[in-house]
Structure formats: C-alpha cells, structure tokens
PDB file of N, CA and C in Angstrom:
ATOM      1  N   MET A   1      84.839 123.137 134.776  1.00  0.00           N
ATOM      2  CA  MET A   1      85.667 121.959 134.736  1.00  0.00           C
ATOM      3  C   MET A   1      87.108 122.382 134.476  1.00  0.00           C
ATOM      4  N   ASP A   2      88.029 121.965 135.332  1.00  0.00           N
ATOM      5  CA  ASP A   2      89.416 122.391 135.236  1.00  0.00           C
ATOM      6  C   ASP A   2      90.251 121.552 134.296  1.00  0.00           C
ATOM      7  N   ASN A   3      89.843 120.344 134.003  1.00  0.00           N
ATOM      8  CA  ASN A   3      90.638 119.442 133.170  1.00  0.00           C
ATOM      9  C   ASN A   3      89.799 118.896 132.027  1.00  0.00           C
ATOM     10  N   VAL A   4      90.469 118.493 130.964  1.00  0.00           N
ATOM     11  CA  VAL A   4      89.808 117.844 129.838  1.00  0.00           C
ATOM     12  C   VAL A   4      90.131 116.368 129.922  1.00  0.00           C
ATOM     13  N   THR A   5      89.133 115.517 129.813  1.00  0.00           N
ATOM     14  CA  THR A   5      89.341 114.079 129.878  1.00  0.00           C
ATOM     15  C   THR A   5      89.484 113.541 128.468  1.00  0.00           C
ATOM     16  N   CYS A   6      90.519 112.757 128.238  1.00  0.00           N
ATOM     17  CA  CYS A   6      90.761 112.156 126.929  1.00  0.00           C
ATOM     18  C   CYS A   6      90.532 110.659 127.038  1.00  0.00           C
ATOM     19  N   TYR A   7      89.580 110.129 126.305  1.00  0.00           N
ATOM     20  CA  TYR A   7      89.295 108.701 126.333  1.00  0.00           C
ATOM     21  C   TYR A   7      90.185 107.997 125.337  1.00  0.00           C
ATOM     22  N   ARG A   8      90.592 106.789 125.667  1.00  0.00           N
ATOM     23  CA  ARG A   8      91.459 106.058 124.770  1.00  0.00           C
ATOM     24  C   ARG A   8      90.761 104.824 124.240  1.00  0.00           C
ATOM     25  N   ARG A   9      91.100 104.465 123.046  1.00  0.00           N
ATOM     26  CA  ARG A   9      90.621 103.227 122.451  1.00  0.00           C
ATOM     27  C   ARG A   9      91.802 102.326 122.137  1.00  0.00           C
ATOM     28  N   LEU A  10      92.949 102.695 122.653  1.00  0.00           N
ATOM     29  CA  LEU A  10      94.161 101.944 122.388  1.00  0.00           C
ATOM     30  C   LEU A  10      94.480 101.056 123.574  1.00  0.00           C
ATOM     31  N   SER A  11      95.114  99.941 123.318  1.00  0.00           N
ATOM     32  CA  SER A  11      95.553  99.065 124.377  1.00  0.00           C
ATOM     33  C   SER A  11      96.923  99.526 124.842  1.00  0.00           C
ATOM     34  N   ILE A  12      97.029  99.918 126.074  1.00  0.00           N
ATOM     35  CA  ILE A  12      98.297 100.385 126.610  1.00  0.00           C
ATOM     36  C   ILE A  12      98.676  99.474 127.766  1.00  0.00           C
ATOM     37  N   ASN A  13      99.832  98.824 127.683  1.00  0.00           N
ATOM     38  CA  ASN A  13     100.271  97.925 128.744  1.00  0.00           C
ATOM     39  C   ASN A  13     100.684  98.693 129.985  1.00  0.00           C
ATOM     40  N   ASP A  14     101.239  99.840 129.787  1.00  0.00           N
ATOM     41  CA  ASP A  14     101.718 100.635 130.902  1.00  0.00           C
ATOM     42  C   ASP A  14     100.548 101.320 131.591  1.00  0.00           C
ATOM     43  N   ALA A  15     100.555 101.378 132.907  1.00  0.00           N
ATOM     44  CA  ALA A  15      99.453 101.992 133.657  1.00  0.00           C
ATOM     45  C   ALA A  15      99.619 103.487 133.800  1.00  0.00           C
ATOM     46  N   SER A  16     100.667 104.041 133.256  1.00  0.00           N
ATOM     47  CA  SER A  16     100.849 105.489 133.327  1.00  0.00           C
ATOM     48  C   SER A  16     101.276 106.030 131.976  1.00  0.00           C
ATOM     49  N   ALA A  17     101.101 107.313 131.786  1.00  0.00           N
ATOM     50  CA  ALA A  17     101.498 107.950 130.529  1.00  0.00           C
ATOM     51  C   ALA A  17     102.326 109.175 130.862  1.00  0.00           C
ATOM     52  N   ILE A  18     103.217 109.520 129.968  1.00  0.00           N
ATOM     53  CA  ILE A  18     104.034 110.710 130.173  1.00  0.00           C
ATOM     54  C   ILE A  18     103.670 111.722 129.106  1.00  0.00           C
ATOM     55  N   ILE A  19     103.364 112.926 129.547  1.00  0.00           N
ATOM     56  CA  ILE A  19     103.015 113.990 128.609  1.00  0.00           C
ATOM     57  C   ILE A  19     104.218 114.906 128.461  1.00  0.00           C
ATOM     58  N   HIS A  20     104.601 115.156 127.215  1.00  0.00           N
ATOM     59  CA  HIS A  20     105.677 116.098 126.934  1.00  0.00           C
ATOM     60  C   HIS A  20     105.048 117.329 126.306  1.00  0.00           C
ATOM     61  N   ALA A  21     105.443 118.477 126.777  1.00  0.00           N
ATOM     62  CA  ALA A  21     104.986 119.706 126.146  1.00  0.00           C
ATOM     63  C   ALA A  21     106.201 120.557 125.824  1.00  0.00           C
ATOM     64  N   LEU A  22     106.085 121.337 124.808  1.00  0.00           N
ATOM     65  CA  LEU A  22     107.192 122.168 124.380  1.00  0.00           C
ATOM     66  C   LEU A  22     107.277 123.425 125.226  1.00  0.00           C
ATOM     67  N   ASP A  23     108.403 124.077 125.126  1.00  0.00           N
ATOM     68  CA  ASP A  23     108.588 125.412 125.665  1.00  0.00           C
ATOM     69  C   ASP A  23     108.489 125.475 127.182  1.00  0.00           C
ATOM     70  N   GLY A  24     109.274 124.696 127.870  1.00  0.00           N
ATOM     71  CA  GLY A  24     109.433 124.904 129.291  1.00  0.00           C
ATOM     72  C   GLY A  24     108.524 124.143 130.238  1.00  0.00           C
ATOM     73  N   VAL A  25     107.547 123.418 129.769  1.00  0.00           N
ATOM     74  CA  VAL A  25     106.738 122.620 130.687  1.00  0.00           C
ATOM     75  C   VAL A  25     107.469 121.312 130.903  1.00  0.00           C
ATOM     76  N   SER A  26     107.721 120.985 132.153  1.00  0.00           N
ATOM     77  CA  SER A  26     108.503 119.787 132.427  1.00  0.00           C
ATOM     78  C   SER A  26     107.672 118.528 132.216  1.00  0.00           C
ATOM     79  N   GLU A  27     108.361 117.413 132.152  1.00  0.00           N
ATOM     80  CA  GLU A  27     107.726 116.114 131.993  1.00  0.00           C
ATOM     81  C   GLU A  27     106.916 115.802 133.245  1.00  0.00           C
ATOM     82  N   MET A  28     105.763 115.197 133.065  1.00  0.00           N
ATOM     83  CA  MET A  28     104.936 114.820 134.206  1.00  0.00           C
ATOM     84  C   MET A  28     104.366 113.437 133.983  1.00  0.00           C
ATOM     85  N   LYS A  29     104.121 112.744 135.062  1.00  0.00           N
ATOM     86  CA  LYS A  29     103.551 111.409 134.970  1.00  0.00           C
ATOM     87  C   LYS A  29     102.106 111.468 135.435  1.00  0.00           C
ATOM     88  N   ILE A  30     101.238 110.798 134.675  1.00  0.00           N
ATOM     89  CA  ILE A  30      99.827 110.719 135.036  1.00  0.00           C
ATOM     90  C   ILE A  30      99.390 109.272 134.894  1.00  0.00           C
ATOM     91  N   LYS A  31      98.272 108.930 135.501  1.00  0.00           N
ATOM     92  CA  LYS A  31      97.795 107.546 135.459  1.00  0.00           C
ATOM     93  C   LYS A  31      96.573 107.419 134.563  1.00  0.00           C
ATOM     94  N   VAL A  32      96.470 106.264 133.940  1.00  0.00           N
ATOM     95  CA  VAL A  32      95.266 105.920 133.190  1.00  0.00           C
ATOM     96  C   VAL A  32      94.207 105.578 134.225  1.00  0.00           C
ATOM     97  N   ARG A  33      93.033 106.187 134.098  1.00  0.00           N
ATOM     98  CA  ARG A  33      91.956 106.005 135.079  1.00  0.00           C
ATOM     99  C   ARG A  33      90.726 105.398 134.433  1.00  0.00           C
ATOM    100  N   LYS A  34      89.944 104.743 135.240  1.00  0.00           N
ATOM    101  CA  LYS A  34      88.644 104.220 134.807  1.00  0.00           C
ATOM    102  C   LYS A  34      87.678 105.402 134.806  1.00  0.00           C
ATOM    103  N   ILE A  35      87.002 105.612 133.667  1.00  0.00           N
ATOM    104  CA  ILE A  35      86.035 106.704 133.540  1.00  0.00           C
ATOM    105  C   ILE A  35      84.780 106.112 132.930  1.00  0.00           C
ATOM    106  N   GLY A  36      83.811 105.789 133.771  1.00  0.00           N
ATOM    107  CA  GLY A  36      82.610 105.115 133.294  1.00  0.00           C
ATOM    108  C   GLY A  36      82.985 103.748 132.754  1.00  0.00           C
ATOM    109  N   ASN A  37      82.578 103.451 131.517  1.00  0.00           N
ATOM    110  CA  ASN A  37      82.923 102.183 130.879  1.00  0.00           C
ATOM    111  C   ASN A  37      84.219 102.266 130.076  1.00  0.00           C
ATOM    112  N   ALA A  38      84.856 103.420 130.089  1.00  0.00           N
ATOM    113  CA  ALA A  38      86.079 103.627 129.320  1.00  0.00           C
ATOM    114  C   ALA A  38      87.249 103.853 130.268  1.00  0.00           C
ATOM    115  N   GLU A  39      88.402 104.042 129.688  1.00  0.00           N
ATOM    116  CA  GLU A  39      89.581 104.424 130.432  1.00  0.00           C
ATOM    117  C   GLU A  39      90.151 105.675 129.788  1.00  0.00           C
ATOM    118  N   GLY A  40      90.808 106.506 130.573  1.00  0.00           N
ATOM    119  CA  GLY A  40      91.355 107.723 130.011  1.00  0.00           C
ATOM    120  C   GLY A  40      92.355 108.370 130.930  1.00  0.00           C
ATOM    121  N   VAL A  41      92.847 109.510 130.495  1.00  0.00           N
ATOM    122  CA  VAL A  41      93.770 110.301 131.292  1.00  0.00           C
ATOM    123  C   VAL A  41      93.193 111.704 131.441  1.00  0.00           C
ATOM    124  N   VAL A  42      93.552 112.359 132.524  1.00  0.00           N
ATOM    125  CA  VAL A  42      93.145 113.737 132.758  1.00  0.00           C
ATOM    126  C   VAL A  42      94.369 114.608 132.540  1.00  0.00           C
ATOM    127  N   ILE A  43      94.240 115.601 131.705  1.00  0.00           N
ATOM    128  CA  ILE A  43      95.345 116.514 131.420  1.00  0.00           C
ATOM    129  C   ILE A  43      95.327 117.607 132.488  1.00  0.00           C
ATOM    130  N   PRO A  44      96.428 117.782 133.203  1.00  0.00           N
ATOM    131  CA  PRO A  44      96.468 118.787 134.272  1.00  0.00           C
ATOM    132  C   PRO A  44      96.174 120.196 133.755  1.00  0.00           C
ATOM    133  N   LYS A  45      95.543 120.980 134.610  1.00  0.00           N
ATOM    134  CA  LYS A  45      95.119 122.330 134.255  1.00  0.00           C
ATOM    135  C   LYS A  45      96.296 123.200 133.812  1.00  0.00           C
ATOM    136  N   THR A  46      97.440 123.056 134.470  1.00  0.00           N
ATOM    137  CA  THR A  46      98.605 123.870 134.103  1.00  0.00           C
ATOM    138  C   THR A  46      99.048 123.611 132.666  1.00  0.00           C
ATOM    139  N   LEU A  47      98.984 122.361 132.247  1.00  0.00           N
ATOM    140  CA  LEU A  47      99.363 122.018 130.878  1.00  0.00           C
ATOM    141  C   LEU A  47      98.320 122.514 129.887  1.00  0.00           C
ATOM    142  N   LEU A  48      97.033 122.386 130.250  1.00  0.00           N
ATOM    143  CA  LEU A  48      95.963 122.898 129.379  1.00  0.00           C
ATOM    144  C   LEU A  48      96.136 124.393 129.151  1.00  0.00           C
ATOM    145  N   LYS A  49      96.468 125.098 130.207  1.00  0.00           N
ATOM    146  CA  LYS A  49      96.654 126.546 130.113  1.00  0.00           C
ATOM    147  C   LYS A  49      97.832 126.868 129.199  1.00  0.00           C
ATOM    148  N   LYS A  50      98.931 126.132 129.356  1.00  0.00           N
ATOM    149  CA  LYS A  50     100.125 126.351 128.542  1.00  0.00           C
ATOM    150  C   LYS A  50      99.837 126.095 127.059  1.00  0.00           C
ATOM    151  N   LEU A  51      99.045 125.059 126.775  1.00  0.00           N
ATOM    152  CA  LEU A  51      98.711 124.702 125.397  1.00  0.00           C
ATOM    153  C   LEU A  51      97.528 125.496 124.841  1.00  0.00           C
ATOM    154  N   ARG A  52      96.865 126.247 125.706  1.00  0.00           N
ATOM    155  CA  ARG A  52      95.663 127.027 125.349  1.00  0.00           C
ATOM    156  C   ARG A  52      94.531 126.130 124.876  1.00  0.00           C
ATOM    157  N   TRP A  53      94.386 124.964 125.533  1.00  0.00           N
ATOM    158  CA  TRP A  53      93.295 124.045 125.257  1.00  0.00           C
ATOM    159  C   TRP A  53      92.222 124.220 126.307  1.00  0.00           C
ATOM    160  N   LYS A  54      90.964 123.963 125.892  1.00  0.00           N
ATOM    161  CA  LYS A  54      89.858 124.046 126.852  1.00  0.00           C
ATOM    162  C   LYS A  54      88.845 122.961 126.537  1.00  0.00           C
ATOM    163  N   ALA A  55      87.946 122.724 127.464  1.00  0.00           N
ATOM    164  CA  ALA A  55      86.904 121.715 127.273  1.00  0.00           C
ATOM    165  C   ALA A  55      86.167 122.007 125.972  1.00  0.00           C
ATOM    166  N   GLY A  56      85.956 120.987 125.185  1.00  0.00           N
ATOM    167  CA  GLY A  56      85.255 121.129 123.912  1.00  0.00           C
ATOM    168  C   GLY A  56      86.172 121.262 122.717  1.00  0.00           C
ATOM    169  N   ASP A  57      87.462 121.558 122.930  1.00  0.00           N
ATOM    170  CA  ASP A  57      88.399 121.642 121.809  1.00  0.00           C
ATOM    171  C   ASP A  57      88.539 120.266 121.160  1.00  0.00           C
ATOM    172  N   GLN A  58      88.707 120.263 119.857  1.00  0.00           N
ATOM    173  CA  GLN A  58      88.889 119.011 119.134  1.00  0.00           C
ATOM    174  C   GLN A  58      90.382 118.726 119.027  1.00  0.00           C
ATOM    175  N   LEU A  59      90.759 117.472 119.350  1.00  0.00           N
ATOM    176  CA  LEU A  59      92.154 117.059 119.306  1.00  0.00           C
ATOM    177  C   LEU A  59      92.322 115.905 118.336  1.00  0.00           C
ATOM    178  N   GLU A  60      93.486 115.825 117.736  1.00  0.00           N
ATOM    179  CA  GLU A  60      93.835 114.694 116.885  1.00  0.00           C
ATOM    180  C   GLU A  60      94.766 113.796 117.689  1.00  0.00           C
ATOM    181  N   LEU A  61      94.450 112.519 117.749  1.00  0.00           N
ATOM    182  CA  LEU A  61      95.236 111.552 118.508  1.00  0.00           C
ATOM    183  C   LEU A  61      95.948 110.620 117.549  1.00  0.00           C
ATOM    184  N   SER A  62      97.247 110.438 117.756  1.00  0.00           N
ATOM    185  CA  SER A  62      97.991 109.449 116.980  1.00  0.00           C
ATOM    186  C   SER A  62      98.886 108.680 117.939  1.00  0.00           C
ATOM    187  N   ALA A  63      99.192 107.447 117.580  1.00  0.00           N
ATOM    188  CA  ALA A  63     100.015 106.609 118.450  1.00  0.00           C
ATOM    189  C   ALA A  63     100.966 105.776 117.620  1.00  0.00           C
ATOM    190  N   THR A  64     102.182 105.652 118.109  1.00  0.00           N
ATOM    191  CA  THR A  64     103.178 104.765 117.535  1.00  0.00           C
ATOM    192  C   THR A  64     103.900 104.092 118.683  1.00  0.00           C
ATOM    193  N   ASP A  65     104.008 102.786 118.602  1.00  0.00           N
ATOM    194  CA  ASP A  65     104.652 102.002 119.656  1.00  0.00           C
ATOM    195  C   ASP A  65     104.109 102.408 121.030  1.00  0.00           C
ATOM    196  N   ASP A  66     104.928 103.051 121.853  1.00  0.00           N
ATOM    197  CA  ASP A  66     104.487 103.405 123.198  1.00  0.00           C
ATOM    198  C   ASP A  66     104.331 104.915 123.389  1.00  0.00           C
ATOM    199  N   VAL A  67     104.132 105.654 122.280  1.00  0.00           N
ATOM    200  CA  VAL A  67     104.012 107.109 122.352  1.00  0.00           C
ATOM    201  C   VAL A  67     102.639 107.535 121.836  1.00  0.00           C
ATOM    202  N   ILE A  68     101.964 108.365 122.622  1.00  0.00           N
ATOM    203  CA  ILE A  68     100.687 108.954 122.200  1.00  0.00           C
ATOM    204  C   ILE A  68     100.932 110.437 121.951  1.00  0.00           C
ATOM    205  N   ARG A  69     100.421 110.935 120.834  1.00  0.00           N
ATOM    206  CA  ARG A  69     100.581 112.344 120.489  1.00  0.00           C
ATOM    207  C   ARG A  69      99.203 112.970 120.345  1.00  0.00           C
ATOM    208  N   LEU A  70      98.978 114.086 121.027  1.00  0.00           N
ATOM    209  CA  LEU A  70      97.750 114.862 120.896  1.00  0.00           C
ATOM    210  C   LEU A  70      98.088 116.189 120.243  1.00  0.00           C
ATOM    211  N   ARG A  71      97.246 116.595 119.303  1.00  0.00           N
ATOM    212  CA  ARG A  71      97.458 117.861 118.608  1.00  0.00           C
ATOM    213  C   ARG A  71      96.118 118.550 118.454  1.00  0.00           C
ATOM    214  N   ALA A  72      96.083 119.825 118.750  1.00  0.00           N
ATOM    215  CA  ALA A  72      94.852 120.588 118.584  1.00  0.00           C
ATOM    216  C   ALA A  72      94.499 120.677 117.106  1.00  0.00           C
ATOM    217  N   VAL A  73      93.230 120.565 116.792  1.00  0.00           N
ATOM    218  CA  VAL A  73      92.744 120.643 115.418  1.00  0.00           C
ATOM    219  C   VAL A  73      92.058 121.992 115.239  1.00  0.00           C
ATOM    220  N   ASP A  74      92.449 122.707 114.209  1.00  0.00           N
ATOM    221  CA  ASP A  74      91.822 123.978 113.859  1.00  0.00           C
ATOM    222  C   ASP A  74      90.858 123.698 112.712  1.00  0.00           C
ATOM    223  N   PRO A  75      89.534 123.696 112.983  1.00  0.00           N
ATOM    224  CA  PRO A  75      88.563 123.345 111.936  1.00  0.00           C
ATOM    225  C   PRO A  75      88.670 124.219 110.680  1.00  0.00           C
ATOM    226  N   ASP A  76      88.952 125.515 110.845  1.00  0.00           N
ATOM    227  CA  ASP A  76      89.084 126.393 109.676  1.00  0.00           C
ATOM    228  C   ASP A  76      90.285 125.991 108.827  1.00  0.00           C
ATOM    229  N   PHE A  77      91.402 125.711 109.476  1.00  0.00           N
ATOM    230  CA  PHE A  77      92.600 125.297 108.755  1.00  0.00           C
ATOM    231  C   PHE A  77      92.367 123.973 108.042  1.00  0.00           C
ATOM    232  N   GLU A  78      91.718 123.021 108.724  1.00  0.00           N
ATOM    233  CA  GLU A  78      91.440 121.718 108.119  1.00  0.00           C
ATOM    234  C   GLU A  78      90.556 121.874 106.882  1.00  0.00           C
ATOM    235  N   ARG A  79      89.570 122.767 106.949  1.00  0.00           N
ATOM    236  CA  ARG A  79      88.682 123.022 105.811  1.00  0.00           C
ATOM    237  C   ARG A  79      89.464 123.631 104.656  1.00  0.00           C
ATOM    238  N   GLN A  80      90.343 124.595 104.964  1.00  0.00           N
ATOM    239  CA  GLN A  80      91.158 125.224 103.932  1.00  0.00           C
ATOM    240  C   GLN A  80      92.127 124.228 103.304  1.00  0.00           C
ATOM    241  N   LEU A  81      92.700 123.362 104.127  1.00  0.00           N
ATOM    242  CA  LEU A  81      93.623 122.348 103.624  1.00  0.00           C
ATOM    243  C   LEU A  81      92.906 121.382 102.689  1.00  0.00           C
ATOM    244  N   GLU A  82      91.700 120.984 103.038  1.00  0.00           N
ATOM    245  CA  GLU A  82      90.918 120.084 102.181  1.00  0.00           C
ATOM    246  C   GLU A  82      90.590 120.759 100.850  1.00  0.00           C
ATOM    247  N   ALA A  83      90.249 122.057 100.887  1.00  0.00           N
ATOM    248  CA  ALA A  83      89.961 122.802  99.656  1.00  0.00           C
ATOM    249  C   ALA A  83      91.215 122.887  98.786  1.00  0.00           C
ATOM    250  N   ALA A  84      92.371 123.087  99.400  1.00  0.00           N
ATOM    251  CA  ALA A  84      93.625 123.166  98.640  1.00  0.00           C
ATOM    252  C   ALA A  84      93.949 121.815  97.996  1.00  0.00           C
ATOM    253  N   ARG A  85      93.743 120.730  98.751  1.00  0.00           N
ATOM    254  CA  ARG A  85      93.985 119.392  98.184  1.00  0.00           C
ATOM    255  C   ARG A  85      93.078 119.129  96.987  1.00  0.00           C
ATOM    256  N   TYR A  86      91.824 119.519  97.116  1.00  0.00           N
ATOM    257  CA  TYR A  86      90.862 119.337  96.020  1.00  0.00           C
ATOM    258  C   TYR A  86      91.315 120.113  94.783  1.00  0.00           C
ATOM    259  N   ALA A  87      91.719 121.378  94.992  1.00  0.00           N
ATOM    260  CA  ALA A  87      92.139 122.222  93.863  1.00  0.00           C
ATOM    261  C   ALA A  87      93.406 121.667  93.221  1.00  0.00           C
ATOM    262  N   MET A  88      94.344 121.185  94.038  1.00  0.00           N
ATOM    263  CA  MET A  88      95.581 120.629  93.475  1.00  0.00           C
ATOM    264  C   MET A  88      95.305 119.375  92.656  1.00  0.00           C
ATOM    265  N   GLU A  89      94.376 118.558  93.122  1.00  0.00           N
ATOM    266  CA  GLU A  89      94.026 117.347  92.372  1.00  0.00           C
ATOM    267  C   GLU A  89      93.307 117.712  91.075  1.00  0.00           C
ATOM    268  N   LYS A  90      92.382 118.650  91.171  1.00  0.00           N
ATOM    269  CA  LYS A  90      91.591 119.032  90.003  1.00  0.00           C
ATOM    270  C   LYS A  90      92.458 119.683  88.916  1.00  0.00           C
ATOM    271  N   TYR A  91      93.435 120.497  89.342  1.00  0.00           N
ATOM    272  CA  TYR A  91      94.254 121.249  88.396  1.00  0.00           C
ATOM    273  C   TYR A  91      95.706 120.763  88.363  1.00  0.00           C
ATOM    274  N   LYS A  92      95.931 119.478  88.629  1.00  0.00           N
ATOM    275  CA  LYS A  92      97.306 118.976  88.718  1.00  0.00           C
ATOM    276  C   LYS A  92      98.065 119.099  87.399  1.00  0.00           C
ATOM    277  N   VAL A  93      97.405 118.931  86.266  1.00  0.00           N
ATOM    278  CA  VAL A  93      98.081 119.046  84.974  1.00  0.00           C
ATOM    279  C   VAL A  93      98.528 120.494  84.761  1.00  0.00           C
ATOM    280  N   ALA A  94      97.629 121.422  84.978  1.00  0.00           N
ATOM    281  CA  ALA A  94      97.969 122.844  84.801  1.00  0.00           C
ATOM    282  C   ALA A  94      99.063 123.268  85.790  1.00  0.00           C
ATOM    283  N   LEU A  95      98.972 122.833  87.020  1.00  0.00           N
ATOM    284  CA  LEU A  95      99.984 123.180  88.015  1.00  0.00           C
ATOM    285  C   LEU A  95     101.345 122.577  87.648  1.00  0.00           C
ATOM    286  N   SER A  96     101.335 121.369  87.118  1.00  0.00           N
ATOM    287  CA  SER A  96     102.575 120.719  86.699  1.00  0.00           C
ATOM    288  C   SER A  96     103.226 121.489  85.553  1.00  0.00           C
ATOM    289  N   ARG A  97     102.413 121.924  84.605  1.00  0.00           N
ATOM    290  CA  ARG A  97     102.953 122.706  83.467  1.00  0.00           C
ATOM    291  C   ARG A  97     103.479 124.055  83.919  1.00  0.00           C
ATOM    292  N   LEU A  98     102.802 124.674  84.860  1.00  0.00           N
ATOM    293  CA  LEU A  98     103.293 125.939  85.413  1.00  0.00           C
ATOM    294  C   LEU A  98     104.642 125.750  86.106  1.00  0.00           C
ATOM    295  N   ALA A  99     104.760 124.645  86.837  1.00  0.00           N
ATOM    296  CA  ALA A  99     106.007 124.373  87.550  1.00  0.00           C
ATOM    297  C   ALA A  99     107.147 124.125  86.579  1.00  0.00           C
ATOM    298  N   ASP A 100     106.859 123.540  85.424  1.00  0.00           N
ATOM    299  CA  ASP A 100     107.894 123.247  84.415  1.00  0.00           C
ATOM    300  C   ASP A 100     108.337 124.488  83.655  1.00  0.00           C
ATOM    301  N   SER A 101     107.505 125.516  83.629  1.00  0.00           N
ATOM    302  CA  SER A 101     107.861 126.691  82.819  1.00  0.00           C
ATOM    303  C   SER A 101     108.692 127.692  83.572  1.00  0.00           C
TER     304      SER A 101
END
C-alpha cells in the first residue's frame, strides 16, 4: 500500500484539505473522499516518504478552526513522558525544595 488513509470524525465544510510539511515539501491540495462508511484523506506517497511515515504508524490528530494537524506518536517517548509526569507529581514537594535551594 503506497498511501496511508486517515479517517476523520470532524465536520469539515471545505471539500479539500491542504497539507503543510516542513523542510521543502511544497503545499498540496487533496480532496476528502468517501471511504466505506467514513470520509478521509489519502496522504501522498511523496509526503509519507518525507515524513518517514508508513502504514500502521500511530498519529495524533488535533484541529483548531479550519486547520488539522497530524503528528507522529512515538510510543516509547509517550511511555517515558507519562512516567516522568507520575514521578513529578509523586515527588513534587521534594522537587520544589530542591529547586528552592
């Protein structure tokens, strides 16, 4: 499979979406398509290659107003971040005193 299909659960009035990528990939226009009972967009292979994404990768989707943002999720990093948050909460008094000294 050359492309990854992203399903949306958001209501988008516009029938097309614009994907921006960093570092030299130009802006491109793609259309929202009917995919089974859902709707989605297909990310072009050239952009997937540039972003080093492949089928099965987990992405985080966020939306504000008329902008959709996709970000690759690193499960190991997310696990480490959760462990750090837990430790900071558990030892917040000790960490606060260390910071004051």
